[in-house]
């Protein structure tokens, strides 16, 4: 529960990539500080922990929040964002680039969150010696699309063209809008 995305806690039934990115942000903060970022003892308390730090979401900060089954503007106290920069332990653990990456990973609005590939290309990792990480080394992780080896590009294309019956959205127009396929569980 400590790494669960706020949309899941608010009852979202569709699991999209943004859910994993939000969880990745929580784990990134925990790896940097040694402590979980949000320590709720129940789903509701977890939301309170998130809202206390990031502010209670509004339709301005998260345009689709009102559509979530467990969201009501009157259900939660109205907290204003203290921001991640107000968290002393985070500021001590991460430089400005790390804070920028963490902020991008934890945006409320899932489509506005940075995606995994962009996260790997974030300036925070610019000084990383990729040769010291065997899992990355010469592999395609984090490469710009034009530099992905053809075999991997073919695999990615196949994944994108999954039978649309399991995806939300319709055809090429939907994909051109910049929306990501979402697998229904």
N, C-alpha and C. Protein backbone atom coordinates (compact mmCIF):
# COMPACT_ATOMS: atom_id res chain seq x y z
N UNK A 1 0.82 -1.19 0.00
CA UNK A 1 0.00 0.00 0.00
C UNK A 1 0.87 1.27 0.00
N UNK A 2 2.07 1.19 0.52
CA UNK A 2 2.92 2.38 0.63
C UNK A 2 3.28 2.99 -0.71
N UNK A 3 3.23 2.19 -1.77
CA UNK A 3 3.61 2.68 -3.09
C UNK A 3 2.42 2.78 -4.03
N UNK A 4 1.22 2.61 -3.52
CA UNK A 4 0.02 2.60 -4.36
C UNK A 4 -0.30 4.00 -4.88
N UNK A 5 -0.63 4.08 -6.16
CA UNK A 5 -0.94 5.36 -6.79
C UNK A 5 -2.26 5.92 -6.24
N UNK A 6 -2.36 7.26 -6.15
CA UNK A 6 -3.58 7.85 -5.59
C UNK A 6 -4.84 7.50 -6.38
N UNK A 7 -4.73 7.34 -7.70
CA UNK A 7 -5.93 7.01 -8.47
C UNK A 7 -6.47 5.63 -8.11
N UNK A 8 -5.58 4.70 -7.79
CA UNK A 8 -6.01 3.36 -7.37
C UNK A 8 -6.68 3.45 -6.00
N UNK A 9 -6.09 4.23 -5.11
CA UNK A 9 -6.68 4.42 -3.78
C UNK A 9 -8.06 5.09 -3.87
N UNK A 10 -8.27 5.88 -4.91
CA UNK A 10 -9.56 6.56 -5.10
C UNK A 10 -10.52 5.74 -5.96
N UNK A 11 -10.20 4.49 -6.24
CA UNK A 11 -11.14 3.59 -6.88
C UNK A 11 -11.03 3.41 -8.37
N UNK A 12 -9.96 3.90 -8.99
CA UNK A 12 -9.79 3.70 -10.43
C UNK A 12 -9.71 2.21 -10.72
N UNK A 13 -10.49 1.76 -11.71
CA UNK A 13 -10.52 0.34 -12.06
C UNK A 13 -9.59 0.01 -13.22
N UNK A 14 -9.17 1.03 -13.96
CA UNK A 14 -8.31 0.82 -15.12
C UNK A 14 -6.86 1.04 -14.69
N UNK A 15 -6.05 0.03 -14.87
CA UNK A 15 -4.65 0.07 -14.47
C UNK A 15 -3.82 0.49 -15.67
N UNK A 16 -3.26 1.70 -15.64
CA UNK A 16 -2.46 2.18 -16.76
C UNK A 16 -1.00 2.31 -16.33
N UNK A 17 -0.14 2.62 -17.28
CA UNK A 17 1.30 2.75 -17.00
C UNK A 17 1.58 3.81 -15.93
N UNK A 18 0.76 4.84 -15.88
CA UNK A 18 0.95 5.90 -14.89
C UNK A 18 0.90 5.40 -13.46
N UNK A 19 0.16 4.33 -13.22
CA UNK A 19 0.09 3.73 -11.89
C UNK A 19 1.48 3.24 -11.48
N UNK A 20 2.14 2.55 -12.38
CA UNK A 20 3.49 2.05 -12.09
C UNK A 20 4.49 3.18 -11.93
N UNK A 21 4.32 4.23 -12.71
CA UNK A 21 5.23 5.38 -12.62
C UNK A 21 5.10 6.05 -11.26
N UNK A 22 3.87 6.21 -10.79
CA UNK A 22 3.66 6.78 -9.46
C UNK A 22 4.32 5.92 -8.39
N UNK A 23 4.14 4.61 -8.49
CA UNK A 23 4.77 3.69 -7.54
C UNK A 23 6.29 3.79 -7.61
N UNK A 24 6.79 3.94 -8.83
CA UNK A 24 8.23 4.11 -9.03
C UNK A 24 8.72 5.37 -8.30
N UNK A 25 7.92 6.44 -8.35
CA UNK A 25 8.28 7.67 -7.64
C UNK A 25 8.37 7.45 -6.14
N UNK A 26 7.42 6.72 -5.60
CA UNK A 26 7.45 6.42 -4.15
C UNK A 26 8.69 5.61 -3.79
N UNK A 27 9.02 4.63 -4.63
CA UNK A 27 10.21 3.80 -4.38
C UNK A 27 11.50 4.61 -4.54
N UNK A 28 11.53 5.52 -5.52
CA UNK A 28 12.69 6.38 -5.74
C UNK A 28 12.94 7.23 -4.49
N UNK A 29 11.88 7.83 -3.95
CA UNK A 29 12.02 8.64 -2.73
C UNK A 29 12.48 7.78 -1.56
N UNK A 30 11.94 6.58 -1.46
CA UNK A 30 12.32 5.68 -0.37
C UNK A 30 13.78 5.24 -0.49
N UNK A 31 14.22 4.98 -1.70
CA UNK A 31 15.62 4.61 -1.91
C UNK A 31 16.55 5.78 -1.56
N UNK A 32 16.12 7.00 -1.87
CA UNK A 32 16.95 8.18 -1.60
C UNK A 32 17.03 8.50 -0.11
N UNK A 33 15.91 8.33 0.60
CA UNK A 33 15.86 8.76 2.00
C UNK A 33 16.00 7.62 3.01
N UNK A 34 15.70 6.40 2.57
CA UNK A 34 15.72 5.27 3.48
C UNK A 34 14.39 5.05 4.19
N UNK A 35 13.41 5.91 3.93
CA UNK A 35 12.09 5.80 4.56
C UNK A 35 11.00 5.91 3.51
N UNK A 36 9.86 5.23 3.73
CA UNK A 36 8.74 5.39 2.80
C UNK A 36 8.29 6.85 2.75
N UNK A 37 7.87 7.29 1.59
CA UNK A 37 7.43 8.67 1.41
C UNK A 37 6.09 8.91 2.09
N UNK A 38 5.16 7.99 1.92
CA UNK A 38 3.82 8.09 2.51
C UNK A 38 3.59 6.83 3.34
N UNK A 39 3.28 6.99 4.62
CA UNK A 39 3.16 5.84 5.53
C UNK A 39 1.76 5.70 6.13
N UNK A 40 0.76 5.56 5.30
CA UNK A 40 -0.59 5.36 5.82
C UNK A 40 -0.78 3.96 6.36
N UNK A 41 -1.68 3.83 7.36
CA UNK A 41 -1.95 2.50 7.91
C UNK A 41 -3.25 1.91 7.37
N UNK A 42 -3.88 2.63 6.45
CA UNK A 42 -5.07 2.14 5.73
C UNK A 42 -5.11 2.91 4.41
N UNK A 43 -6.01 2.51 3.52
CA UNK A 43 -6.09 3.22 2.24
C UNK A 43 -6.47 4.68 2.44
N UNK A 44 -7.43 4.93 3.33
CA UNK A 44 -7.84 6.32 3.59
C UNK A 44 -6.69 7.11 4.21
N UNK A 45 -6.01 6.51 5.19
CA UNK A 45 -4.88 7.20 5.81
C UNK A 45 -3.76 7.44 4.79
N UNK A 46 -3.57 6.50 3.87
CA UNK A 46 -2.56 6.68 2.83
C UNK A 46 -2.90 7.91 1.98
N UNK A 47 -4.18 8.06 1.63
CA UNK A 47 -4.60 9.25 0.88
C UNK A 47 -4.35 10.52 1.69
N UNK A 48 -4.66 10.49 2.99
CA UNK A 48 -4.40 11.65 3.84
C UNK A 48 -2.91 12.01 3.82
N UNK A 49 -2.05 11.00 3.91
CA UNK A 49 -0.61 11.25 3.89
C UNK A 49 -0.19 11.92 2.58
N UNK A 50 -0.72 11.41 1.48
CA UNK A 50 -0.39 11.97 0.16
C UNK A 50 -0.90 13.40 0.06
N UNK A 51 -2.17 13.62 0.47
CA UNK A 51 -2.78 14.94 0.34
C UNK A 51 -2.12 15.97 1.25
N UNK A 52 -1.68 15.55 2.44
CA UNK A 52 -1.00 16.48 3.34
C UNK A 52 0.28 17.02 2.70
N UNK A 53 0.99 16.17 2.00
CA UNK A 53 2.25 16.61 1.39
C UNK A 53 2.02 17.31 0.06
N UNK A 54 1.16 16.74 -0.78
CA UNK A 54 1.01 17.24 -2.14
C UNK A 54 -0.18 18.18 -2.31
N UNK A 55 -1.00 18.32 -1.28
CA UNK A 55 -2.21 19.11 -1.39
C UNK A 55 -3.36 18.23 -1.83
N UNK A 56 -4.57 18.57 -1.41
CA UNK A 56 -5.74 17.81 -1.84
C UNK A 56 -5.98 18.10 -3.31
N UNK A 57 -6.14 17.07 -4.13
CA UNK A 57 -6.31 17.30 -5.56
C UNK A 57 -7.62 18.02 -5.87
N UNK A 58 -7.56 18.83 -6.90
CA UNK A 58 -8.74 19.53 -7.40
C UNK A 58 -8.81 19.25 -8.90
N UNK A 59 -9.89 19.66 -9.53
CA UNK A 59 -9.99 19.45 -10.97
C UNK A 59 -8.96 20.30 -11.72
N UNK A 60 -8.41 21.29 -11.05
CA UNK A 60 -7.34 22.09 -11.66
C UNK A 60 -6.02 21.32 -11.67
N UNK A 61 -5.72 20.63 -10.58
CA UNK A 61 -4.46 19.88 -10.49
C UNK A 61 -4.58 18.47 -11.07
N UNK A 62 -5.83 17.99 -11.22
CA UNK A 62 -6.07 16.64 -11.71
C UNK A 62 -7.44 16.65 -12.39
N UNK A 63 -7.48 16.97 -13.68
CA UNK A 63 -8.75 17.20 -14.38
C UNK A 63 -9.80 16.10 -14.27
N UNK A 64 -9.41 14.85 -14.10
CA UNK A 64 -10.40 13.76 -14.07
C UNK A 64 -10.65 13.21 -12.67
N UNK A 65 -10.15 13.87 -11.65
CA UNK A 65 -10.27 13.34 -10.29
C UNK A 65 -11.73 13.17 -9.86
N UNK A 66 -12.61 14.06 -10.28
CA UNK A 66 -14.01 13.99 -9.87
C UNK A 66 -14.72 12.76 -10.42
N UNK A 67 -14.15 12.13 -11.44
CA UNK A 67 -14.76 10.93 -12.03
C UNK A 67 -14.42 9.65 -11.26
N UNK A 68 -13.49 9.75 -10.34
CA UNK A 68 -13.08 8.56 -9.58
C UNK A 68 -14.14 8.22 -8.53
N UNK A 69 -14.47 6.93 -8.39
CA UNK A 69 -15.57 6.52 -7.52
C UNK A 69 -15.45 6.93 -6.05
N UNK A 70 -14.24 6.96 -5.52
CA UNK A 70 -14.07 7.26 -4.10
C UNK A 70 -13.66 8.70 -3.84
N UNK A 71 -13.82 9.57 -4.84
CA UNK A 71 -13.44 10.97 -4.65
C UNK A 71 -14.69 11.83 -4.47
N UNK A 72 -14.64 12.69 -3.52
CA UNK A 72 -15.64 13.72 -3.33
C UNK A 72 -14.89 14.93 -2.77
N UNK A 73 -15.12 16.11 -3.33
CA UNK A 73 -14.38 17.28 -2.85
C UNK A 73 -14.59 17.55 -1.35
N UNK A 74 -15.68 17.03 -0.80
CA UNK A 74 -15.94 17.26 0.62
C UNK A 74 -15.48 16.11 1.51
N UNK A 75 -14.97 15.04 0.91
CA UNK A 75 -14.54 13.87 1.69
C UNK A 75 -13.22 14.09 2.42
N UNK A 76 -12.43 14.99 1.92
CA UNK A 76 -11.10 15.20 2.48
C UNK A 76 -10.90 16.66 2.84
N UNK A 77 -10.15 16.87 3.90
CA UNK A 77 -9.78 18.22 4.28
C UNK A 77 -9.04 18.86 3.11
N UNK A 78 -9.19 20.15 2.95
CA UNK A 78 -8.52 20.84 1.85
C UNK A 78 -7.12 21.28 2.29
N UNK A 79 -6.14 20.48 1.93
CA UNK A 79 -4.75 20.83 2.23
C UNK A 79 -4.14 21.49 1.01
N UNK A 80 -3.28 22.45 1.26
CA UNK A 80 -2.53 23.08 0.17
C UNK A 80 -1.19 22.38 0.08
N UNK A 81 -0.65 22.32 -1.11
CA UNK A 81 0.60 21.60 -1.32
C UNK A 81 1.75 22.24 -0.55
N UNK A 82 2.41 21.42 0.23
CA UNK A 82 3.66 21.85 0.86
C UNK A 82 4.81 21.59 -0.10
N UNK A 83 4.56 20.74 -1.07
CA UNK A 83 5.58 20.41 -2.06
C UNK A 83 6.64 19.48 -1.50
N UNK A 84 7.26 18.79 -2.40
CA UNK A 84 8.32 17.87 -2.01
C UNK A 84 9.52 18.62 -1.47
N UNK A 85 9.70 19.87 -1.94
CA UNK A 85 10.85 20.67 -1.50
C UNK A 85 10.74 21.05 -0.03
N UNK A 86 9.55 20.95 0.55
CA UNK A 86 9.39 21.28 1.96
C UNK A 86 9.76 20.10 2.86
N UNK A 87 10.02 18.96 2.27
CA UNK A 87 10.36 17.77 3.03
C UNK A 87 11.88 17.71 3.21
N UNK A 88 12.34 18.06 4.40
CA UNK A 88 13.77 18.20 4.66
C UNK A 88 14.58 16.96 4.27
N UNK A 89 14.06 15.79 4.58
CA UNK A 89 14.79 14.56 4.29
C UNK A 89 14.97 14.36 2.79
N UNK A 90 13.96 14.72 2.01
CA UNK A 90 14.04 14.59 0.55
C UNK A 90 15.03 15.59 -0.01
N UNK A 91 14.97 16.82 0.47
CA UNK A 91 15.87 17.87 -0.01
C UNK A 91 17.32 17.53 0.30
N UNK A 92 17.57 16.91 1.45
CA UNK A 92 18.94 16.50 1.79
C UNK A 92 19.41 15.35 0.90
N UNK A 93 18.49 14.49 0.48
CA UNK A 93 18.85 13.28 -0.26
C UNK A 93 18.97 13.49 -1.76
N UNK A 94 18.22 14.44 -2.31
CA UNK A 94 18.18 14.62 -3.77
C UNK A 94 18.60 16.03 -4.16
N UNK A 95 19.33 16.13 -5.26
CA UNK A 95 19.67 17.45 -5.78
C UNK A 95 18.46 17.98 -6.57
N UNK A 96 18.62 19.14 -7.20
CA UNK A 96 17.51 19.77 -7.94
C UNK A 96 16.99 18.86 -9.05
N UNK A 97 17.89 18.16 -9.73
CA UNK A 97 17.45 17.26 -10.80
C UNK A 97 16.66 16.07 -10.24
N UNK A 98 17.10 15.56 -9.09
CA UNK A 98 16.39 14.47 -8.45
C UNK A 98 14.99 14.89 -7.99
N UNK A 99 14.90 16.11 -7.44
CA UNK A 99 13.59 16.63 -7.03
C UNK A 99 12.68 16.83 -8.24
N UNK A 100 13.25 17.30 -9.34
CA UNK A 100 12.46 17.48 -10.56
C UNK A 100 11.93 16.14 -11.07
N UNK A 101 12.78 15.13 -11.07
CA UNK A 101 12.36 13.79 -11.50
C UNK A 101 11.27 13.25 -10.57
N UNK A 102 11.47 13.37 -9.27
CA UNK A 102 10.49 12.88 -8.31
C UNK A 102 9.15 13.58 -8.50
N UNK A 103 9.18 14.88 -8.70
CA UNK A 103 7.95 15.64 -8.94
C UNK A 103 7.24 15.13 -10.20
N UNK A 104 8.00 14.87 -11.25
CA UNK A 104 7.42 14.37 -12.51
C UNK A 104 6.82 12.97 -12.34
N UNK A 105 7.46 12.14 -11.52
CA UNK A 105 6.97 10.78 -11.28
C UNK A 105 5.68 10.77 -10.45
N UNK A 106 5.52 11.78 -9.60
CA UNK A 106 4.41 11.80 -8.65
C UNK A 106 3.28 12.77 -9.01
N UNK A 107 3.26 13.27 -10.23
CA UNK A 107 2.15 14.16 -10.61
C UNK A 107 0.82 13.45 -10.38
N UNK A 108 -0.17 14.22 -9.95
CA UNK A 108 -1.49 13.62 -9.71
C UNK A 108 -2.12 13.07 -10.98
N UNK A 109 -2.16 13.86 -12.04
CA UNK A 109 -2.85 13.49 -13.27
C UNK A 109 -2.04 12.44 -14.03
N UNK A 110 -2.50 11.17 -14.08
CA UNK A 110 -1.70 10.11 -14.70
C UNK A 110 -1.18 10.42 -16.11
N UNK A 111 -1.99 10.97 -17.02
CA UNK A 111 -1.44 11.27 -18.36
C UNK A 111 -0.36 12.36 -18.34
N UNK A 112 -0.31 13.15 -17.27
CA UNK A 112 0.70 14.21 -17.17
C UNK A 112 2.00 13.72 -16.54
N UNK A 113 1.98 12.53 -15.96
CA UNK A 113 3.20 11.98 -15.36
C UNK A 113 4.21 11.65 -16.45
N UNK A 114 5.45 11.76 -16.09
CA UNK A 114 6.52 11.34 -17.00
C UNK A 114 6.36 9.84 -17.25
N UNK A 115 6.69 9.38 -18.45
CA UNK A 115 6.62 7.93 -18.68
C UNK A 115 7.98 7.30 -18.34
N UNK A 116 8.03 5.99 -18.31
CA UNK A 116 9.24 5.29 -17.86
C UNK A 116 10.45 5.60 -18.73
N UNK A 117 10.28 5.63 -20.05
CA UNK A 117 11.42 5.91 -20.92
C UNK A 117 11.93 7.33 -20.71
N UNK A 118 11.01 8.29 -20.64
CA UNK A 118 11.43 9.68 -20.39
C UNK A 118 12.11 9.81 -19.03
N UNK A 119 11.64 9.05 -18.06
CA UNK A 119 12.28 9.08 -16.74
C UNK A 119 13.73 8.62 -16.83
N UNK A 120 13.97 7.56 -17.61
CA UNK A 120 15.35 7.08 -17.77
C UNK A 120 16.23 8.07 -18.52
N UNK A 121 15.61 8.91 -19.35
CA UNK A 121 16.36 9.92 -20.10
C UNK A 121 16.45 11.25 -19.34
N UNK A 122 15.87 11.31 -18.15
CA UNK A 122 15.86 12.54 -17.36
C UNK A 122 17.29 12.96 -17.01
N UNK A 123 17.56 14.27 -16.95
CA UNK A 123 18.91 14.75 -16.61
C UNK A 123 19.46 14.21 -15.29
N UNK A 124 18.60 13.76 -14.39
CA UNK A 124 19.08 13.19 -13.13
C UNK A 124 20.05 12.04 -13.39
N UNK A 125 19.82 11.29 -14.46
CA UNK A 125 20.65 10.14 -14.77
C UNK A 125 21.79 10.45 -15.73
N UNK A 126 21.99 11.71 -16.08
CA UNK A 126 23.00 12.09 -17.08
C UNK A 126 24.40 11.64 -16.69
N UNK A 127 24.73 11.69 -15.42
CA UNK A 127 26.09 11.34 -14.97
C UNK A 127 26.23 9.86 -14.61
N UNK A 128 25.19 9.09 -14.79
CA UNK A 128 25.21 7.68 -14.44
C UNK A 128 26.12 6.91 -15.39
N UNK A 129 27.01 6.12 -14.84
CA UNK A 129 27.88 5.27 -15.66
C UNK A 129 27.09 4.01 -16.01
N UNK A 130 26.50 4.02 -17.18
CA UNK A 130 25.64 2.91 -17.60
C UNK A 130 26.39 1.59 -17.72
N UNK A 131 27.70 1.64 -17.90
CA UNK A 131 28.48 0.41 -17.99
C UNK A 131 28.59 -0.29 -16.64
N UNK A 132 28.36 0.46 -15.56
CA UNK A 132 28.42 -0.16 -14.23
C UNK A 132 27.12 -0.89 -13.88
N UNK A 133 26.13 -0.76 -14.74
CA UNK A 133 24.85 -1.44 -14.53
C UNK A 133 24.65 -2.47 -15.62
N UNK A 134 24.97 -3.73 -15.37
CA UNK A 134 24.90 -4.74 -16.42
C UNK A 134 23.52 -4.86 -17.06
N UNK A 135 22.47 -4.60 -16.32
CA UNK A 135 21.12 -4.73 -16.88
C UNK A 135 20.85 -3.65 -17.92
N UNK A 136 21.58 -2.56 -17.87
CA UNK A 136 21.38 -1.48 -18.84
C UNK A 136 22.48 -1.55 -19.90
N UNK A 137 23.72 -1.48 -19.47
CA UNK A 137 24.88 -1.57 -20.36
C UNK A 137 24.60 -1.25 -21.81
N UNK A 138 24.64 -2.27 -22.67
CA UNK A 138 24.44 -2.10 -24.10
C UNK A 138 22.99 -2.31 -24.53
N UNK A 139 22.09 -2.51 -23.58
CA UNK A 139 20.70 -2.79 -23.93
C UNK A 139 19.99 -1.52 -24.40
N UNK A 140 18.73 -1.69 -24.76
CA UNK A 140 17.97 -0.58 -25.34
C UNK A 140 17.25 0.26 -24.30
N UNK A 141 17.33 -0.08 -23.02
CA UNK A 141 16.60 0.66 -22.00
C UNK A 141 16.98 2.13 -22.03
N UNK A 142 15.99 2.98 -22.18
CA UNK A 142 16.22 4.41 -22.12
C UNK A 142 16.68 5.05 -23.41
N UNK A 143 16.84 4.28 -24.47
CA UNK A 143 17.30 4.87 -25.72
C UNK A 143 16.17 5.63 -26.40
N UNK A 144 16.50 6.70 -27.12
CA UNK A 144 15.48 7.35 -27.94
C UNK A 144 14.93 6.34 -28.95
N UNK A 145 13.68 6.49 -29.32
CA UNK A 145 13.01 5.52 -30.18
C UNK A 145 13.81 5.19 -31.43
N UNK A 146 14.44 6.17 -32.07
CA UNK A 146 15.21 5.93 -33.29
C UNK A 146 16.44 5.07 -33.09
N UNK A 147 16.88 4.90 -31.85
CA UNK A 147 18.09 4.12 -31.57
C UNK A 147 17.80 2.73 -31.02
N UNK A 148 16.53 2.37 -30.89
CA UNK A 148 16.19 1.04 -30.39
C UNK A 148 16.47 0.03 -31.49
N UNK A 149 17.20 -1.06 -31.19
CA UNK A 149 17.49 -2.07 -32.21
C UNK A 149 16.20 -2.59 -32.85
N UNK A 150 16.26 -2.91 -34.16
CA UNK A 150 15.06 -3.32 -34.90
C UNK A 150 14.28 -4.47 -34.26
N UNK A 151 14.98 -5.46 -33.70
CA UNK A 151 14.27 -6.59 -33.08
C UNK A 151 13.41 -6.13 -31.91
N UNK A 152 13.96 -5.21 -31.10
CA UNK A 152 13.20 -4.70 -29.96
C UNK A 152 12.08 -3.79 -30.44
N UNK A 153 12.34 -2.99 -31.46
CA UNK A 153 11.30 -2.10 -32.00
C UNK A 153 10.12 -2.93 -32.50
N UNK A 154 10.42 -4.06 -33.14
CA UNK A 154 9.36 -4.94 -33.63
C UNK A 154 8.53 -5.49 -32.46
N UNK A 155 9.20 -5.85 -31.37
CA UNK A 155 8.51 -6.34 -30.19
C UNK A 155 7.61 -5.25 -29.61
N UNK A 156 8.14 -4.02 -29.48
CA UNK A 156 7.35 -2.92 -28.95
C UNK A 156 6.14 -2.65 -29.83
N UNK A 157 6.33 -2.68 -31.16
CA UNK A 157 5.21 -2.47 -32.08
C UNK A 157 4.15 -3.55 -31.87
N UNK A 158 4.59 -4.79 -31.68
CA UNK A 158 3.64 -5.88 -31.47
C UNK A 158 2.84 -5.65 -30.19
N UNK A 159 3.49 -5.16 -29.15
CA UNK A 159 2.79 -4.90 -27.90
C UNK A 159 1.77 -3.79 -28.05
N UNK A 160 2.11 -2.78 -28.85
CA UNK A 160 1.18 -1.67 -29.07
C UNK A 160 -0.04 -2.13 -29.86
N UNK A 161 0.15 -3.11 -30.74
CA UNK A 161 -0.95 -3.57 -31.59
C UNK A 161 -1.70 -4.75 -30.99
N UNK A 162 -1.71 -4.84 -29.68
CA UNK A 162 -2.46 -5.90 -29.00
C UNK A 162 -3.92 -5.81 -29.42
N UNK A 163 -4.59 -6.93 -29.45
CA UNK A 163 -6.02 -6.98 -29.78
C UNK A 163 -6.75 -5.88 -29.01
N UNK A 164 -7.38 -4.98 -29.74
CA UNK A 164 -8.01 -3.82 -29.13
C UNK A 164 -9.16 -4.16 -28.20
N UNK A 165 -9.65 -5.40 -28.20
CA UNK A 165 -10.75 -5.75 -27.31
C UNK A 165 -10.32 -5.64 -25.84
N UNK A 166 -9.02 -5.75 -25.58
CA UNK A 166 -8.54 -5.64 -24.21
C UNK A 166 -8.06 -4.26 -23.85
N UNK A 167 -8.17 -3.31 -24.79
CA UNK A 167 -7.68 -1.97 -24.55
C UNK A 167 -8.80 -0.96 -24.56
N UNK A 168 -8.58 0.12 -23.84
CA UNK A 168 -9.54 1.22 -23.86
C UNK A 168 -9.15 2.16 -24.99
N UNK A 169 -10.08 2.61 -25.79
CA UNK A 169 -9.79 3.52 -26.89
C UNK A 169 -10.09 2.87 -28.21
N UNK A 170 -10.10 3.69 -29.26
CA UNK A 170 -10.47 3.15 -30.56
C UNK A 170 -9.53 3.65 -31.64
N UNK A 171 -8.86 2.73 -32.32
CA UNK A 171 -8.13 2.99 -33.54
C UNK A 171 -7.02 4.01 -33.46
N UNK A 172 -6.56 4.41 -34.67
CA UNK A 172 -5.41 5.29 -34.79
C UNK A 172 -5.67 6.69 -34.25
N UNK A 173 -6.88 7.22 -34.44
CA UNK A 173 -7.18 8.57 -33.95
C UNK A 173 -6.94 8.66 -32.45
N UNK A 174 -7.35 7.64 -31.75
CA UNK A 174 -7.17 7.60 -30.31
C UNK A 174 -5.69 7.65 -29.95
N UNK A 175 -4.86 6.88 -30.69
CA UNK A 175 -3.43 6.84 -30.42
C UNK A 175 -2.78 8.17 -30.79
N UNK A 176 -3.25 8.84 -31.86
CA UNK A 176 -2.67 10.12 -32.28
C UNK A 176 -2.90 11.20 -31.23
N UNK A 177 -3.94 11.04 -30.43
CA UNK A 177 -4.22 12.03 -29.39
C UNK A 177 -3.18 11.99 -28.28
N UNK A 178 -2.25 11.06 -28.36
CA UNK A 178 -1.19 10.97 -27.35
C UNK A 178 -1.60 10.17 -26.13
N UNK A 179 -2.75 9.52 -26.20
CA UNK A 179 -3.19 8.71 -25.07
C UNK A 179 -2.52 7.35 -25.13
N UNK A 180 -2.35 6.75 -24.00
CA UNK A 180 -1.68 5.46 -23.92
C UNK A 180 -2.72 4.35 -23.85
N UNK A 181 -2.40 3.19 -24.43
CA UNK A 181 -3.32 2.07 -24.26
C UNK A 181 -3.41 1.68 -22.79
N UNK A 182 -4.59 1.31 -22.37
CA UNK A 182 -4.77 0.88 -20.99
C UNK A 182 -5.38 -0.51 -21.01
N UNK A 183 -4.77 -1.41 -20.29
CA UNK A 183 -5.28 -2.77 -20.23
C UNK A 183 -6.30 -2.85 -19.10
N UNK A 184 -7.48 -3.37 -19.41
CA UNK A 184 -8.52 -3.53 -18.39
C UNK A 184 -8.29 -4.84 -17.64
N UNK A 185 -8.41 -4.81 -16.33
CA UNK A 185 -8.24 -6.02 -15.51
C UNK A 185 -9.58 -6.58 -15.16
